[in-house]
Amino acid sequence: MRLKDVADALGTSRAFISQIESGSKLFPEKLMEATSQLFNVSMDEIASHLNTDKSVIKIKKALRSINFSNKEQITAIARTLSDEGLIDPIQKIVDLHGDAKGKQE
């Protein structure tokens, strides 16, 4: 299957698929699900072949489960993430999520 065929089947561009492959863009979860169905492979298997730091994927999943209504919890989380050196990967997720969200709308 050619890159164009994959992009067409997933409803996205060849350029975006290439950026995901190179690691310059994160793989949106819905697109990863569609890709796993298209090629009949697990999302974990897809993620293992990307040039993306797997910790970024884990952080993204973890962030979805956090309730940010309590400022003290947010402060504690921020301190922990900073101490672990995870602020930059999180910022990358936020930046890329904003880019992807703007393109979808």
PDB file of N, CA and C in Angstrom:
ATOM      1  N   MET A   1       0.849  -1.179   0.000  1.00  0.00           N
ATOM      2  CA  MET A   1       0.000   0.000   0.000  1.00  0.00           C
ATOM      3  C   MET A   1       0.897   1.244   0.000  1.00  0.00           C
ATOM      4  N   ARG A   2       0.602   2.164  -0.869  1.00  0.00           N
ATOM      5  CA  ARG A   2       1.380   3.396  -0.969  1.00  0.00           C
ATOM      6  C   ARG A   2       0.957   4.391   0.119  1.00  0.00           C
ATOM      7  N   LEU A   3       1.841   5.333   0.397  1.00  0.00           N
ATOM      8  CA  LEU A   3       1.558   6.352   1.395  1.00  0.00           C
ATOM      9  C   LEU A   3       0.275   7.103   1.058  1.00  0.00           C
ATOM     10  N   LYS A   4       0.074   7.406  -0.203  1.00  0.00           N
ATOM     11  CA  LYS A   4      -1.139   8.099  -0.641  1.00  0.00           C
ATOM     12  C   LYS A   4      -2.377   7.265  -0.327  1.00  0.00           C
ATOM     13  N   ASP A   5      -2.298   5.968  -0.549  1.00  0.00           N
ATOM     14  CA  ASP A   5      -3.427   5.080  -0.262  1.00  0.00           C
ATOM     15  C   ASP A   5      -3.750   5.060   1.229  1.00  0.00           C
ATOM     16  N   VAL A   6      -2.706   5.006   2.040  1.00  0.00           N
ATOM     17  CA  VAL A   6      -2.890   5.011   3.496  1.00  0.00           C
ATOM     18  C   VAL A   6      -3.532   6.331   3.926  1.00  0.00           C
ATOM     19  N   ALA A   7      -2.980   7.432   3.461  1.00  0.00           N
ATOM     20  CA  ALA A   7      -3.510   8.749   3.817  1.00  0.00           C
ATOM     21  C   ALA A   7      -4.971   8.880   3.392  1.00  0.00           C
ATOM     22  N   ASP A   8      -5.290   8.439   2.190  1.00  0.00           N
ATOM     23  CA  ASP A   8      -6.678   8.504   1.701  1.00  0.00           C
ATOM     24  C   ASP A   8      -7.601   7.651   2.567  1.00  0.00           C
ATOM     25  N   ALA A   9      -7.157   6.445   2.906  1.00  0.00           N
ATOM     26  CA  ALA A   9      -7.974   5.536   3.712  1.00  0.00           C
ATOM     27  C   ALA A   9      -8.222   6.095   5.111  1.00  0.00           C
ATOM     28  N   LEU A  10      -7.261   6.878   5.616  1.00  0.00           N
ATOM     29  CA  LEU A  10      -7.381   7.440   6.962  1.00  0.00           C
ATOM     30  C   LEU A  10      -7.961   8.852   6.957  1.00  0.00           C
ATOM     31  N   GLY A  11      -8.175   9.404   5.786  1.00  0.00           N
ATOM     32  CA  GLY A  11      -8.755  10.739   5.693  1.00  0.00           C
ATOM     33  C   GLY A  11      -7.817  11.848   6.120  1.00  0.00           C
ATOM     34  N   THR A  12      -6.536  11.682   5.819  1.00  0.00           N
ATOM     35  CA  THR A  12      -5.553  12.702   6.175  1.00  0.00           C
ATOM     36  C   THR A  12      -4.577  12.876   5.006  1.00  0.00           C
ATOM     37  N   SER A  13      -3.564  13.687   5.193  1.00  0.00           N
ATOM     38  CA  SER A  13      -2.620  13.957   4.106  1.00  0.00           C
ATOM     39  C   SER A  13      -1.377  13.085   4.199  1.00  0.00           C
ATOM     40  N   ARG A  14      -0.701  12.928   3.066  1.00  0.00           N
ATOM     41  CA  ARG A  14       0.568  12.202   3.050  1.00  0.00           C
ATOM     42  C   ARG A  14       1.590  12.913   3.927  1.00  0.00           C
ATOM     43  N   ALA A  15       1.580  14.229   3.887  1.00  0.00           N
ATOM     44  CA  ALA A  15       2.538  15.004   4.683  1.00  0.00           C
ATOM     45  C   ALA A  15       2.353  14.737   6.173  1.00  0.00           C
ATOM     46  N   PHE A  16       1.089  14.685   6.625  1.00  0.00           N
ATOM     47  CA  PHE A  16       0.827  14.452   8.043  1.00  0.00           C
ATOM     48  C   PHE A  16       1.282  13.045   8.446  1.00  0.00           C
ATOM     49  N   ILE A  17       1.030  12.053   7.596  1.00  0.00           N
ATOM     50  CA  ILE A  17       1.489  10.687   7.874  1.00  0.00           C
ATOM     51  C   ILE A  17       3.014  10.660   7.972  1.00  0.00           C
ATOM     52  N   SER A  18       3.696  11.345   7.080  1.00  0.00           N
ATOM     53  CA  SER A  18       5.159  11.401   7.107  1.00  0.00           C
ATOM     54  C   SER A  18       5.666  12.057   8.381  1.00  0.00           C
ATOM     55  N   GLN A  19       4.979  13.122   8.824  1.00  0.00           N
ATOM     56  CA  GLN A  19       5.383  13.801  10.057  1.00  0.00           C
ATOM     57  C   GLN A  19       5.196  12.890  11.268  1.00  0.00           C
ATOM     58  N   ILE A  20       4.163  12.087  11.268  1.00  0.00           N
ATOM     59  CA  ILE A  20       3.950  11.127  12.345  1.00  0.00           C
ATOM     60  C   ILE A  20       5.059  10.085  12.329  1.00  0.00           C
ATOM     61  N   GLU A  21       5.368   9.569  11.140  1.00  0.00           N
ATOM     62  CA  GLU A  21       6.420   8.554  11.010  1.00  0.00           C
ATOM     63  C   GLU A  21       7.772   9.073  11.493  1.00  0.00           C
ATOM     64  N   SER A  22       8.061  10.324  11.214  1.00  0.00           N
ATOM     65  CA  SER A  22       9.366  10.889  11.592  1.00  0.00           C
ATOM     66  C   SER A  22       9.418  11.311  13.052  1.00  0.00           C
ATOM     67  N   GLY A  23       8.247  11.395  13.700  1.00  0.00           N
ATOM     68  CA  GLY A  23       8.215  11.807  15.100  1.00  0.00           C
ATOM     69  C   GLY A  23       8.039  13.294  15.296  1.00  0.00           C
ATOM     70  N   SER A  24       7.906  14.056  14.218  1.00  0.00           N
ATOM     71  CA  SER A  24       7.729  15.498  14.365  1.00  0.00           C
ATOM     72  C   SER A  24       6.299  15.873  14.757  1.00  0.00           C
ATOM     73  N   LYS A  25       5.373  14.946  14.573  1.00  0.00           N
ATOM     74  CA  LYS A  25       3.986  15.136  15.021  1.00  0.00           C
ATOM     75  C   LYS A  25       3.576  13.917  15.824  1.00  0.00           C
ATOM     76  N   LEU A  26       2.755  14.130  16.827  1.00  0.00           N
ATOM     77  CA  LEU A  26       2.210  13.012  17.586  1.00  0.00           C
ATOM     78  C   LEU A  26       1.096  12.354  16.799  1.00  0.00           C
ATOM     79  N   PHE A  27       0.926  11.083  17.027  1.00  0.00           N
ATOM     80  CA  PHE A  27      -0.100  10.296  16.365  1.00  0.00           C
ATOM     81  C   PHE A  27      -1.401  10.482  17.132  1.00  0.00           C
ATOM     82  N   PRO A  28      -2.380  11.218  16.578  1.00  0.00           N
ATOM     83  CA  PRO A  28      -3.651  11.393  17.294  1.00  0.00           C
ATOM     84  C   PRO A  28      -4.286  10.022  17.564  1.00  0.00           C
ATOM     85  N   GLU A  29      -4.841   9.883  18.749  1.00  0.00           N
ATOM     86  CA  GLU A  29      -5.365   8.583  19.163  1.00  0.00           C
ATOM     87  C   GLU A  29      -6.410   8.031  18.192  1.00  0.00           C
ATOM     88  N   LYS A  30      -7.322   8.878  17.718  1.00  0.00           N
ATOM     89  CA  LYS A  30      -8.350   8.400  16.784  1.00  0.00           C
ATOM     90  C   LYS A  30      -7.728   7.919  15.473  1.00  0.00           C
ATOM     91  N   LEU A  31      -6.704   8.612  15.014  1.00  0.00           N
ATOM     92  CA  LEU A  31      -6.022   8.204  13.787  1.00  0.00           C
ATOM     93  C   LEU A  31      -5.249   6.902  14.010  1.00  0.00           C
ATOM     94  N   MET A  32      -4.662   6.755  15.203  1.00  0.00           N
ATOM     95  CA  MET A  32      -3.959   5.521  15.522  1.00  0.00           C
ATOM     96  C   MET A  32      -4.939   4.342  15.576  1.00  0.00           C
ATOM     97  N   GLU A  33      -6.119   4.584  16.135  1.00  0.00           N
ATOM     98  CA  GLU A  33      -7.143   3.525  16.176  1.00  0.00           C
ATOM     99  C   GLU A  33      -7.544   3.114  14.762  1.00  0.00           C
ATOM    100  N   ALA A  34      -7.764   4.103  13.905  1.00  0.00           N
ATOM    101  CA  ALA A  34      -8.137   3.804  12.517  1.00  0.00           C
ATOM    102  C   ALA A  34      -7.017   3.056  11.800  1.00  0.00           C
ATOM    103  N   THR A  35      -5.783   3.438  12.081  1.00  0.00           N
ATOM    104  CA  THR A  35      -4.631   2.774  11.468  1.00  0.00           C
ATOM    105  C   THR A  35      -4.522   1.331  11.952  1.00  0.00           C
ATOM    106  N   SER A  36      -4.760   1.124  13.241  1.00  0.00           N
ATOM    107  CA  SER A  36      -4.678  -0.237  13.772  1.00  0.00           C
ATOM    108  C   SER A  36      -5.748  -1.124  13.137  1.00  0.00           C
ATOM    109  N   GLN A  37      -6.913  -0.564  12.881  1.00  0.00           N
ATOM    110  CA  GLN A  37      -7.973  -1.323  12.224  1.00  0.00           C
ATOM    111  C   GLN A  37      -7.626  -1.584  10.750  1.00  0.00           C
ATOM    112  N   LEU A  38      -7.092  -0.556  10.089  1.00  0.00           N
ATOM    113  CA  LEU A  38      -6.742  -0.685   8.676  1.00  0.00           C
ATOM    114  C   LEU A  38      -5.720  -1.797   8.444  1.00  0.00           C
ATOM    115  N   PHE A  39      -4.720  -1.871   9.332  1.00  0.00           N
ATOM    116  CA  PHE A  39      -3.644  -2.844   9.168  1.00  0.00           C
ATOM    117  C   PHE A  39      -3.782  -4.064  10.078  1.00  0.00           C
ATOM    118  N   ASN A  40      -4.869  -4.099  10.865  1.00  0.00           N
ATOM    119  CA  ASN A  40      -5.142  -5.227  11.758  1.00  0.00           C
ATOM    120  C   ASN A  40      -3.972  -5.496  12.709  1.00  0.00           C
ATOM    121  N   VAL A  41      -3.498  -4.425  13.365  1.00  0.00           N
ATOM    122  CA  VAL A  41      -2.437  -4.529  14.363  1.00  0.00           C
ATOM    123  C   VAL A  41      -2.866  -3.717  15.590  1.00  0.00           C
ATOM    124  N   SER A  42      -2.230  -3.978  16.726  1.00  0.00           N
ATOM    125  CA  SER A  42      -2.579  -3.251  17.946  1.00  0.00           C
ATOM    126  C   SER A  42      -1.989  -1.840  17.923  1.00  0.00           C
ATOM    127  N   MET A  43      -2.582  -0.963  18.720  1.00  0.00           N
ATOM    128  CA  MET A  43      -2.058   0.403  18.828  1.00  0.00           C
ATOM    129  C   MET A  43      -0.670   0.384  19.464  1.00  0.00           C
ATOM    130  N   ASP A  44      -0.428  -0.543  20.400  1.00  0.00           N
ATOM    131  CA  ASP A  44       0.899  -0.659  21.012  1.00  0.00           C
ATOM    132  C   ASP A  44       1.953  -1.032  19.971  1.00  0.00           C
ATOM    133  N   GLU A  45       1.576  -1.907  19.054  1.00  0.00           N
ATOM    134  CA  GLU A  45       2.518  -2.303  18.005  1.00  0.00           C
ATOM    135  C   GLU A  45       2.839  -1.117  17.095  1.00  0.00           C
ATOM    136  N   ILE A  46       1.833  -0.329  16.774  1.00  0.00           N
ATOM    137  CA  ILE A  46       2.063   0.870  15.958  1.00  0.00           C
ATOM    138  C   ILE A  46       2.993   1.825  16.689  1.00  0.00           C
ATOM    139  N   ALA A  47       2.695   2.081  17.965  1.00  0.00           N
ATOM    140  CA  ALA A  47       3.497   3.022  18.758  1.00  0.00           C
ATOM    141  C   ALA A  47       4.948   2.562  18.863  1.00  0.00           C
ATOM    142  N   SER A  48       5.171   1.249  18.898  1.00  0.00           N
ATOM    143  CA  SER A  48       6.541   0.743  19.036  1.00  0.00           C
ATOM    144  C   SER A  48       7.385   1.018  17.795  1.00  0.00           C
ATOM    145  N   HIS A  49       6.748   1.292  16.660  1.00  0.00           N
ATOM    146  CA  HIS A  49       7.478   1.549  15.415  1.00  0.00           C
ATOM    147  C   HIS A  49       7.660   3.035  15.118  1.00  0.00           C
ATOM    148  N   LEU A  50       7.122   3.880  15.965  1.00  0.00           N
ATOM    149  CA  LEU A  50       7.233   5.320  15.738  1.00  0.00           C
ATOM    150  C   LEU A  50       8.522   5.854  16.329  1.00  0.00           C
ATOM    151  N   ASN A  51       8.987   6.976  15.789  1.00  0.00           N
ATOM    152  CA  ASN A  51      10.161   7.659  16.332  1.00  0.00           C
ATOM    153  C   ASN A  51       9.752   8.618  17.444  1.00  0.00           C
ATOM    154  N   THR A  52       8.719   8.257  18.177  1.00  0.00           N
ATOM    155  CA  THR A  52       8.200   9.097  19.245  1.00  0.00           C
ATOM    156  C   THR A  52       8.589   8.485  20.581  1.00  0.00           C
ATOM    157  N   ASP A  53       8.979   9.307  21.506  1.00  0.00           N
ATOM    158  CA  ASP A  53       9.290   8.840  22.850  1.00  0.00           C
ATOM    159  C   ASP A  53       8.025   8.238  23.456  1.00  0.00           C
ATOM    160  N   LYS A  54       8.090   6.978  23.871  1.00  0.00           N
ATOM    161  CA  LYS A  54       6.908   6.311  24.416  1.00  0.00           C
ATOM    162  C   LYS A  54       6.409   6.988  25.685  1.00  0.00           C
ATOM    163  N   SER A  55       7.287   7.692  26.404  1.00  0.00           N
ATOM    164  CA  SER A  55       6.837   8.382  27.616  1.00  0.00           C
ATOM    165  C   SER A  55       5.826   9.472  27.266  1.00  0.00           C
ATOM    166  N   VAL A  56       5.932  10.043  26.080  1.00  0.00           N
ATOM    167  CA  VAL A  56       4.973  11.060  25.653  1.00  0.00           C
ATOM    168  C   VAL A  56       3.578  10.452  25.548  1.00  0.00           C
ATOM    169  N   ILE A  57       3.496   9.253  25.005  1.00  0.00           N
ATOM    170  CA  ILE A  57       2.203   8.583  24.887  1.00  0.00           C
ATOM    171  C   ILE A  57       1.650   8.261  26.264  1.00  0.00           C
ATOM    172  N   LYS A  58       2.501   7.778  27.178  1.00  0.00           N
ATOM    173  CA  LYS A  58       2.061   7.462  28.536  1.00  0.00           C
ATOM    174  C   LYS A  58       1.589   8.718  29.268  1.00  0.00           C
ATOM    175  N   ILE A  59       2.317   9.812  29.107  1.00  0.00           N
ATOM    176  CA  ILE A  59       1.942  11.069  29.755  1.00  0.00           C
ATOM    177  C   ILE A  59       0.599  11.544  29.225  1.00  0.00           C
ATOM    178  N   LYS A  60       0.402  11.456  27.921  1.00  0.00           N
ATOM    179  CA  LYS A  60      -0.854  11.894  27.317  1.00  0.00           C
ATOM    180  C   LYS A  60      -2.029  11.105  27.891  1.00  0.00           C
ATOM    181  N   LYS A  61      -1.877   9.790  28.017  1.00  0.00           N
ATOM    182  CA  LYS A  61      -2.932   8.959  28.596  1.00  0.00           C
ATOM    183  C   LYS A  61      -3.178   9.333  30.049  1.00  0.00           C
ATOM    184  N   ALA A  62      -2.114   9.549  30.806  1.00  0.00           N
ATOM    185  CA  ALA A  62      -2.251   9.891  32.222  1.00  0.00           C
ATOM    186  C   ALA A  62      -2.936  11.240  32.408  1.00  0.00           C
ATOM    187  N   LEU A  63      -2.617  12.202  31.570  1.00  0.00           N
ATOM    188  CA  LEU A  63      -3.211  13.535  31.702  1.00  0.00           C
ATOM    189  C   LEU A  63      -4.725  13.517  31.500  1.00  0.00           C
ATOM    190  N   ARG A  64      -5.200  12.609  30.651  1.00  0.00           N
ATOM    191  CA  ARG A  64      -6.640  12.525  30.407  1.00  0.00           C
ATOM    192  C   ARG A  64      -7.422  12.105  31.644  1.00  0.00           C
ATOM    193  N   SER A  65      -6.767  11.374  32.553  1.00  0.00           N
ATOM    194  CA  SER A  65      -7.475  10.835  33.710  1.00  0.00           C
ATOM    195  C   SER A  65      -7.433  11.754  34.932  1.00  0.00           C
ATOM    196  N   ILE A  66      -6.762  12.888  34.848  1.00  0.00           N
ATOM    197  CA  ILE A  66      -6.602  13.774  36.005  1.00  0.00           C
ATOM    198  C   ILE A  66      -7.712  14.817  36.045  1.00  0.00           C
ATOM    199  N   ASN A  67      -8.292  14.996  37.236  1.00  0.00           N
ATOM    200  CA  ASN A  67      -9.280  16.045  37.463  1.00  0.00           C
ATOM    201  C   ASN A  67      -8.523  17.282  37.960  1.00  0.00           C
ATOM    202  N   PHE A  68      -8.534  18.345  37.183  1.00  0.00           N
ATOM    203  CA  PHE A  68      -7.760  19.540  37.506  1.00  0.00           C
ATOM    204  C   PHE A  68      -8.557  20.604  38.263  1.00  0.00           C
ATOM    205  N   SER A  69      -9.570  20.197  39.012  1.00  0.00           N
ATOM    206  CA  SER A  69     -10.391  21.173  39.715  1.00  0.00           C
ATOM    207  C   SER A  69      -9.741  21.652  41.013  1.00  0.00           C
ATOM    208  N   ASN A  70      -8.757  20.949  41.512  1.00  0.00           N
ATOM    209  CA  ASN A  70      -8.133  21.308  42.775  1.00  0.00           C
ATOM    210  C   ASN A  70      -6.757  21.916  42.527  1.00  0.00           C
ATOM    211  N   LYS A  71      -6.585  23.190  42.890  1.00  0.00           N
ATOM    212  CA  LYS A  71      -5.322  23.899  42.630  1.00  0.00           C
ATOM    213  C   LYS A  71      -4.142  23.264  43.356  1.00  0.00           C
ATOM    214  N   GLU A  72      -4.372  22.733  44.566  1.00  0.00           N
ATOM    215  CA  GLU A  72      -3.275  22.103  45.311  1.00  0.00           C
ATOM    216  C   GLU A  72      -2.782  20.847  44.587  1.00  0.00           C
ATOM    217  N   GLN A  73      -3.700  20.094  44.020  1.00  0.00           N
ATOM    218  CA  GLN A  73      -3.308  18.908  43.264  1.00  0.00           C
ATOM    219  C   GLN A  73      -2.517  19.304  42.023  1.00  0.00           C
ATOM    220  N   ILE A  74      -2.968  20.345  41.370  1.00  0.00           N
ATOM    221  CA  ILE A  74      -2.274  20.809  40.170  1.00  0.00           C
ATOM    222  C   ILE A  74      -0.853  21.230  40.510  1.00  0.00           C
ATOM    223  N   THR A  75      -0.699  21.963  41.609  1.00  0.00           N
ATOM    224  CA  THR A  75       0.622  22.410  42.037  1.00  0.00           C
ATOM    225  C   THR A  75       1.521  21.216  42.346  1.00  0.00           C
ATOM    226  N   ALA A  76       0.989  20.224  43.044  1.00  0.00           N
ATOM    227  CA  ALA A  76       1.771  19.027  43.383  1.00  0.00           C
ATOM    228  C   ALA A  76       2.169  18.273  42.120  1.00  0.00           C
ATOM    229  N   ILE A  77       1.253  18.162  41.194  1.00  0.00           N
ATOM    230  CA  ILE A  77       1.551  17.477  39.933  1.00  0.00           C
ATOM    231  C   ILE A  77       2.639  18.237  39.172  1.00  0.00           C
ATOM    232  N   ALA A  78       2.511  19.548  39.113  1.00  0.00           N
ATOM    233  CA  ALA A  78       3.497  20.366  38.399  1.00  0.00           C
ATOM    234  C   ALA A  78       4.888  20.206  39.004  1.00  0.00           C
ATOM    235  N   ARG A  79       4.958  20.202  40.335  1.00  0.00           N
ATOM    236  CA  ARG A  79       6.260  20.027  40.998  1.00  0.00           C
ATOM    237  C   ARG A  79       6.857  18.664  40.663  1.00  0.00           C
ATOM    238  N   THR A  80       6.042  17.636  40.732  1.00  0.00           N
ATOM    239  CA  THR A  80       6.509  16.283  40.443  1.00  0.00           C
ATOM    240  C   THR A  80       6.989  16.168  39.008  1.00  0.00           C
ATOM    241  N   LEU A  81       6.214  16.689  38.082  1.00  0.00           N
ATOM    242  CA  LEU A  81       6.595  16.620  36.670  1.00  0.00           C
ATOM    243  C   LEU A  81       7.882  17.399  36.409  1.00  0.00           C
ATOM    244  N   SER A  82       8.012  18.528  37.064  1.00  0.00           N
ATOM    245  CA  SER A  82       9.213  19.333  36.901  1.00  0.00           C
ATOM    246  C   SER A  82      10.426  18.585  37.446  1.00  0.00           C
ATOM    247  N   ASP A  83      10.265  17.979  38.635  1.00  0.00           N
ATOM    248  CA  ASP A  83      11.366  17.224  39.243  1.00  0.00           C
ATOM    249  C   ASP A  83      11.775  16.037  38.385  1.00  0.00           C
ATOM    250  N   GLU A  84      10.841  15.454  37.670  1.00  0.00           N
ATOM    251  CA  GLU A  84      11.120  14.288  36.832  1.00  0.00           C
ATOM    252  C   GLU A  84      11.585  14.679  35.429  1.00  0.00           C
ATOM    253  N   GLY A  85      11.648  15.976  35.150  1.00  0.00           N
ATOM    254  CA  GLY A  85      12.094  16.429  33.826  1.00  0.00           C
ATOM    255  C   GLY A  85      11.083  16.170  32.721  1.00  0.00           C
ATOM    256  N   LEU A  86       9.800  16.198  33.070  1.00  0.00           N
ATOM    257  CA  LEU A  86       8.760  15.866  32.102  1.00  0.00           C
ATOM    258  C   LEU A  86       8.008  17.074  31.562  1.00  0.00           C
ATOM    259  N   ILE A  87       8.408  18.260  31.931  1.00  0.00           N
ATOM    260  CA  ILE A  87       7.704  19.457  31.467  1.00  0.00           C
ATOM    261  C   ILE A  87       7.820  19.607  29.951  1.00  0.00           C
ATOM    262  N   ASP A  88       9.009  19.405  29.389  1.00  0.00           N
ATOM    263  CA  ASP A  88       9.177  19.558  27.938  1.00  0.00           C
ATOM    264  C   ASP A  88       8.325  18.572  27.141  1.00  0.00           C
ATOM    265  N   PRO A  89       8.316  17.264  27.507  1.00  0.00           N
ATOM    266  CA  PRO A  89       7.432  16.362  26.758  1.00  0.00           C
ATOM    267  C   PRO A  89       5.957  16.743  26.874  1.00  0.00           C
ATOM    268  N   ILE A  90       5.553  17.228  28.046  1.00  0.00           N
ATOM    269  CA  ILE A  90       4.155  17.645  28.222  1.00  0.00           C
ATOM    270  C   ILE A  90       3.860  18.870  27.368  1.00  0.00           C
ATOM    271  N   GLN A  91       4.780  19.812  27.326  1.00  0.00           N
ATOM    272  CA  GLN A  91       4.584  20.996  26.498  1.00  0.00           C
ATOM    273  C   GLN A  91       4.461  20.604  25.032  1.00  0.00           C
ATOM    274  N   LYS A  92       5.238  19.604  24.603  1.00  0.00           N
ATOM    275  CA  LYS A  92       5.153  19.124  23.224  1.00  0.00           C
ATOM    276  C   LYS A  92       3.759  18.558  22.953  1.00  0.00           C
ATOM    277  N   ILE A  93       3.240  17.798  23.907  1.00  0.00           N
ATOM    278  CA  ILE A  93       1.895  17.242  23.760  1.00  0.00           C
ATOM    279  C   ILE A  93       0.866  18.353  23.649  1.00  0.00           C
ATOM    280  N   VAL A  94       0.949  19.330  24.539  1.00  0.00           N
ATOM    281  CA  VAL A  94       0.002  20.441  24.535  1.00  0.00           C
ATOM    282  C   VAL A  94       0.080  21.205  23.217  1.00  0.00           C
ATOM    283  N   ASP A  95       1.298  21.487  22.766  1.00  0.00           N
ATOM    284  CA  ASP A  95       1.477  22.223  21.516  1.00  0.00           C
ATOM    285  C   ASP A  95       0.923  21.434  20.328  1.00  0.00           C
ATOM    286  N   LEU A  96       1.266  20.151  20.252  1.00  0.00           N
ATOM    287  CA  LEU A  96       0.808  19.332  19.142  1.00  0.00           C
ATOM    288  C   LEU A  96      -0.692  19.096  19.194  1.00  0.00           C
ATOM    289  N   HIS A  97      -1.243  18.949  20.407  1.00  0.00           N
ATOM    290  CA  HIS A  97      -2.687  18.767  20.550  1.00  0.00           C
ATOM    291  C   HIS A  97      -3.397  20.022  20.060  1.00  0.00           C
ATOM    292  N   GLY A  98      -2.868  21.174  20.406  1.00  0.00           N
ATOM    293  CA  GLY A  98      -3.466  22.439  19.940  1.00  0.00           C
ATOM    294  C   GLY A  98      -3.428  22.548  18.433  1.00  0.00           C
ATOM    295  N   ASP A  99      -2.280  22.141  17.818  1.00  0.00           N
ATOM    296  CA  ASP A  99      -2.159  22.156  16.367  1.00  0.00           C
ATOM    297  C   ASP A  99      -3.162  21.201  15.730  1.00  0.00           C
ATOM    298  N   ALA A 100      -3.267  20.000  16.271  1.00  0.00           N
ATOM    299  CA  ALA A 100      -4.177  18.995  15.702  1.00  0.00           C
ATOM    300  C   ALA A 100      -5.629  19.425  15.875  1.00  0.00           C
ATOM    301  N   LYS A 101      -5.955  19.990  17.040  1.00  0.00           N
ATOM    302  CA  LYS A 101      -7.331  20.427  17.294  1.00  0.00           C
ATOM    303  C   LYS A 101      -7.717  21.553  16.344  1.00  0.00           C
ATOM    304  N   GLY A 102      -6.790  22.475  16.111  1.00  0.00           N
ATOM    305  CA  GLY A 102      -7.083  23.584  15.195  1.00  0.00           C
ATOM    306  C   GLY A 102      -7.299  23.104  13.781  1.00  0.00           C
ATOM    307  N   LYS A 103      -6.588  22.059  13.361  1.00  0.00           N
ATOM    308  CA  LYS A 103      -6.736  21.526  12.001  1.00  0.00           C
ATOM    309  C   LYS A 103      -8.037  20.763  11.837  1.00  0.00           C
ATOM    310  N   GLN A 104      -8.527  20.154  12.922  1.00  0.00           N
ATOM    311  CA  GLN A 104      -9.755  19.364  12.852  1.00  0.00           C
ATOM    312  C   GLN A 104     -10.981  20.255  12.789  1.00  0.00           C
ATOM    313  N   GLU A 105     -10.906  21.442  13.349  1.00  0.00           N
ATOM    314  CA  GLU A 105     -12.076  22.315  13.422  1.00  0.00           C
ATOM    315  C   GLU A 105     -12.292  23.064  12.130  1.00  0.00           C
TER     316      GLU A 105
END
